[in-house]
């Protein structure tokens, strides 16, 4: 698993999404805007990439096949990783929003 090397002016992003169609759309759109983008399709892969690389921001799906995005977020925060995280989810209940903010 390798990280993308970026120039000084590029924003480096990690997109964590298990649905390939959505991941590819996000990847293509962000690349077209000039950003460097790494992709992960599982929570474990995301945690490993975050251990190996430094990101300017993370786009993180909540519903992943192994560990969910909220657990990934909480694990990163416990490690001291303060990278901004944008959570993607179809969930819209107040409890889900609170859980995301708590993570």
C-alpha atoms as a PDB file:
ATOM      1  CA  UNK A   1       0.000   0.000   0.000  1.00  0.00           C
ATOM      2  CA  UNK A   2       1.619   3.232  -1.147  1.00  0.00           C
ATOM      3  CA  UNK A   3       0.725   6.878  -0.712  1.00  0.00           C
ATOM      4  CA  UNK A   4       0.562   9.361  -3.542  1.00  0.00           C
ATOM      5  CA  UNK A   5       3.370  11.882  -3.485  1.00  0.00           C
ATOM      6  CA  UNK A   6       2.106  15.417  -4.077  1.00  0.00           C
ATOM      7  CA  UNK A   7       3.547  18.778  -4.943  1.00  0.00           C
ATOM      8  CA  UNK A   8       3.419  21.640  -2.479  1.00  0.00           C
ATOM      9  CA  UNK A   9       0.333  23.246  -4.008  1.00  0.00           C
ATOM     10  CA  UNK A  10      -1.864  20.124  -4.097  1.00  0.00           C
ATOM     11  CA  UNK A  11      -4.363  19.130  -1.447  1.00  0.00           C
ATOM     12  CA  UNK A  12      -3.963  15.479  -0.508  1.00  0.00           C
ATOM     13  CA  UNK A  13      -7.213  13.653   0.232  1.00  0.00           C
ATOM     14  CA  UNK A  14      -8.192  10.179   1.338  1.00  0.00           C
ATOM     15  CA  UNK A  15     -11.555   8.908   0.102  1.00  0.00           C
ATOM     16  CA  UNK A  16     -12.889   5.895   2.012  1.00  0.00           C
ATOM     17  CA  UNK A  17     -15.844   4.374   0.150  1.00  0.00           C
ATOM     18  CA  UNK A  18     -16.709   0.727  -0.480  1.00  0.00           C
ATOM     19  CA  UNK A  19     -19.139   1.322  -3.359  1.00  0.00           C
ATOM     20  CA  UNK A  20     -16.859   1.415  -6.399  1.00  0.00           C
ATOM     21  CA  UNK A  21     -19.134   3.630  -8.494  1.00  0.00           C
ATOM     22  CA  UNK A  22     -19.314   6.318  -5.809  1.00  0.00           C
ATOM     23  CA  UNK A  23     -15.591   6.016  -5.052  1.00  0.00           C
ATOM     24  CA  UNK A  24     -14.708   6.432  -8.732  1.00  0.00           C
ATOM     25  CA  UNK A  25     -16.997   9.464  -9.103  1.00  0.00           C
ATOM     26  CA  UNK A  26     -15.453  11.135  -6.058  1.00  0.00           C
ATOM     27  CA  UNK A  27     -11.942  10.248  -7.197  1.00  0.00           C
ATOM     28  CA  UNK A  28     -12.467  11.582 -10.713  1.00  0.00           C
ATOM     29  CA  UNK A  29     -14.168  14.790  -9.565  1.00  0.00           C
ATOM     30  CA  UNK A  30     -11.528  15.584  -6.952  1.00  0.00           C
ATOM     31  CA  UNK A  31      -8.685  14.783  -9.364  1.00  0.00           C
ATOM     32  CA  UNK A  32     -10.251  17.076 -11.986  1.00  0.00           C
ATOM     33  CA  UNK A  33     -10.158  19.860  -9.385  1.00  0.00           C
ATOM     34  CA  UNK A  34      -6.410  19.304  -9.054  1.00  0.00           C
ATOM     35  CA  UNK A  35      -6.323  17.327  -5.805  1.00  0.00           C
ATOM     36  CA  UNK A  36      -4.230  14.232  -5.084  1.00  0.00           C
ATOM     37  CA  UNK A  37      -6.525  11.407  -3.996  1.00  0.00           C
ATOM     38  CA  UNK A  38      -5.881   8.040  -2.374  1.00  0.00           C
ATOM     39  CA  UNK A  39      -8.745   5.532  -2.234  1.00  0.00           C
ATOM     40  CA  UNK A  40      -9.577   2.974   0.455  1.00  0.00           C
ATOM     41  CA  UNK A  41     -12.534   0.599   0.360  1.00  0.00           C
ATOM     42  CA  UNK A  42     -12.418  -0.649   3.964  1.00  0.00           C
ATOM     43  CA  UNK A  43     -11.921   0.871   7.382  1.00  0.00           C
ATOM     44  CA  UNK A  44      -8.797  -1.203   7.991  1.00  0.00           C
ATOM     45  CA  UNK A  45      -7.278  -0.008   4.726  1.00  0.00           C
ATOM     46  CA  UNK A  46      -8.082   3.586   5.663  1.00  0.00           C
ATOM     47  CA  UNK A  47      -6.428   3.237   9.069  1.00  0.00           C
ATOM     48  CA  UNK A  48      -3.313   1.741   7.479  1.00  0.00           C
ATOM     49  CA  UNK A  49      -3.092   4.537   4.885  1.00  0.00           C
ATOM     50  CA  UNK A  50      -3.498   7.135   7.629  1.00  0.00           C
ATOM     51  CA  UNK A  51      -0.662   5.471   9.540  1.00  0.00           C
ATOM     52  CA  UNK A  52       1.583   5.641   6.461  1.00  0.00           C
ATOM     53  CA  UNK A  53       0.549   9.002   4.979  1.00  0.00           C
ATOM     54  CA  UNK A  54      -0.490  12.481   5.980  1.00  0.00           C
ATOM     55  CA  UNK A  55      -3.722  13.845   4.489  1.00  0.00           C
ATOM     56  CA  UNK A  56      -5.172  17.331   4.364  1.00  0.00           C
ATOM     57  CA  UNK A  57      -8.694  15.894   4.699  1.00  0.00           C
ATOM     58  CA  UNK A  58     -10.546  12.576   4.690  1.00  0.00           C
ATOM     59  CA  UNK A  59     -13.891  11.829   3.024  1.00  0.00           C
ATOM     60  CA  UNK A  60     -15.203   8.865   5.021  1.00  0.00           C
ATOM     61  CA  UNK A  61     -18.240   6.696   4.348  1.00  0.00           C
ATOM     62  CA  UNK A  62     -19.982   5.649   7.559  1.00  0.00           C
ATOM     63  CA  UNK A  63     -21.167   2.248   6.337  1.00  0.00           C
ATOM     64  CA  UNK A  64     -18.113   0.163   5.448  1.00  0.00           C
ATOM     65  CA  UNK A  65     -17.843  -3.634   5.133  1.00  0.00           C
ATOM     66  CA  UNK A  66     -15.454  -4.240   8.046  1.00  0.00           C
ATOM     67  CA  UNK A  67     -15.386  -1.525  10.699  1.00  0.00           C
ATOM     68  CA  UNK A  68     -17.735   1.416  10.259  1.00  0.00           C
ATOM     69  CA  UNK A  69     -16.610   4.947   9.517  1.00  0.00           C
ATOM     70  CA  UNK A  70     -17.464   6.184  13.004  1.00  0.00           C
ATOM     71  CA  UNK A  71     -15.062   3.624  14.480  1.00  0.00           C
ATOM     72  CA  UNK A  72     -12.405   4.660  11.949  1.00  0.00           C
ATOM     73  CA  UNK A  73     -12.900   8.287  12.956  1.00  0.00           C
ATOM     74  CA  UNK A  74     -12.740   7.477  16.679  1.00  0.00           C
ATOM     75  CA  UNK A  75      -9.584   5.387  16.181  1.00  0.00           C
ATOM     76  CA  UNK A  76      -7.872   8.203  14.290  1.00  0.00           C
ATOM     77  CA  UNK A  77      -8.754  10.677  17.040  1.00  0.00           C
ATOM     78  CA  UNK A  78      -7.440   8.300  19.741  1.00  0.00           C
ATOM     79  CA  UNK A  79      -4.170   8.128  17.771  1.00  0.00           C
ATOM     80  CA  UNK A  80      -3.977  11.923  17.938  1.00  0.00           C
ATOM     81  CA  UNK A  81      -4.791  12.394  14.238  1.00  0.00           C
ATOM     82  CA  UNK A  82      -6.632  15.711  13.886  1.00  0.00           C
ATOM     83  CA  UNK A  83      -7.108  15.540  10.108  1.00  0.00           C
ATOM     84  CA  UNK A  84     -10.485  17.083   9.129  1.00  0.00           C
ATOM     85  CA  UNK A  85     -13.036  14.371   8.307  1.00  0.00           C
ATOM     86  CA  UNK A  86     -16.165  14.680   6.205  1.00  0.00           C
ATOM     87  CA  UNK A  87     -18.547  11.806   6.966  1.00  0.00           C
ATOM     88  CA  UNK A  88     -20.693  10.477   4.124  1.00  0.00           C
ATOM     89  CA  UNK A  89     -23.885   8.687   5.078  1.00  0.00           C
ATOM     90  CA  UNK A  90     -27.454   8.061   4.042  1.00  0.00           C
ATOM     91  CA  UNK A  91     -28.433   8.056   7.716  1.00  0.00           C
ATOM     92  CA  UNK A  92     -30.285  11.184   8.777  1.00  0.00           C
ATOM     93  CA  UNK A  93     -31.537  10.557  12.314  1.00  0.00           C
ATOM     94  CA  UNK A  94     -30.495  12.959  15.059  1.00  0.00           C
ATOM     95  CA  UNK A  95     -28.803  10.086  16.938  1.00  0.00           C
ATOM     96  CA  UNK A  96     -26.682   9.362  13.859  1.00  0.00           C
ATOM     97  CA  UNK A  97     -25.605  13.001  13.631  1.00  0.00           C
ATOM     98  CA  UNK A  98     -24.701  13.073  17.321  1.00  0.00           C
ATOM     99  CA  UNK A  99     -22.701   9.834  16.971  1.00  0.00           C
ATOM    100  CA  UNK A 100     -20.785  11.367  14.061  1.00  0.00           C
ATOM    101  CA  UNK A 101     -19.972  14.505  16.012  1.00  0.00           C
ATOM    102  CA  UNK A 102     -18.944  12.459  19.056  1.00  0.00           C
ATOM    103  CA  UNK A 103     -16.568  10.362  16.931  1.00  0.00           C
END
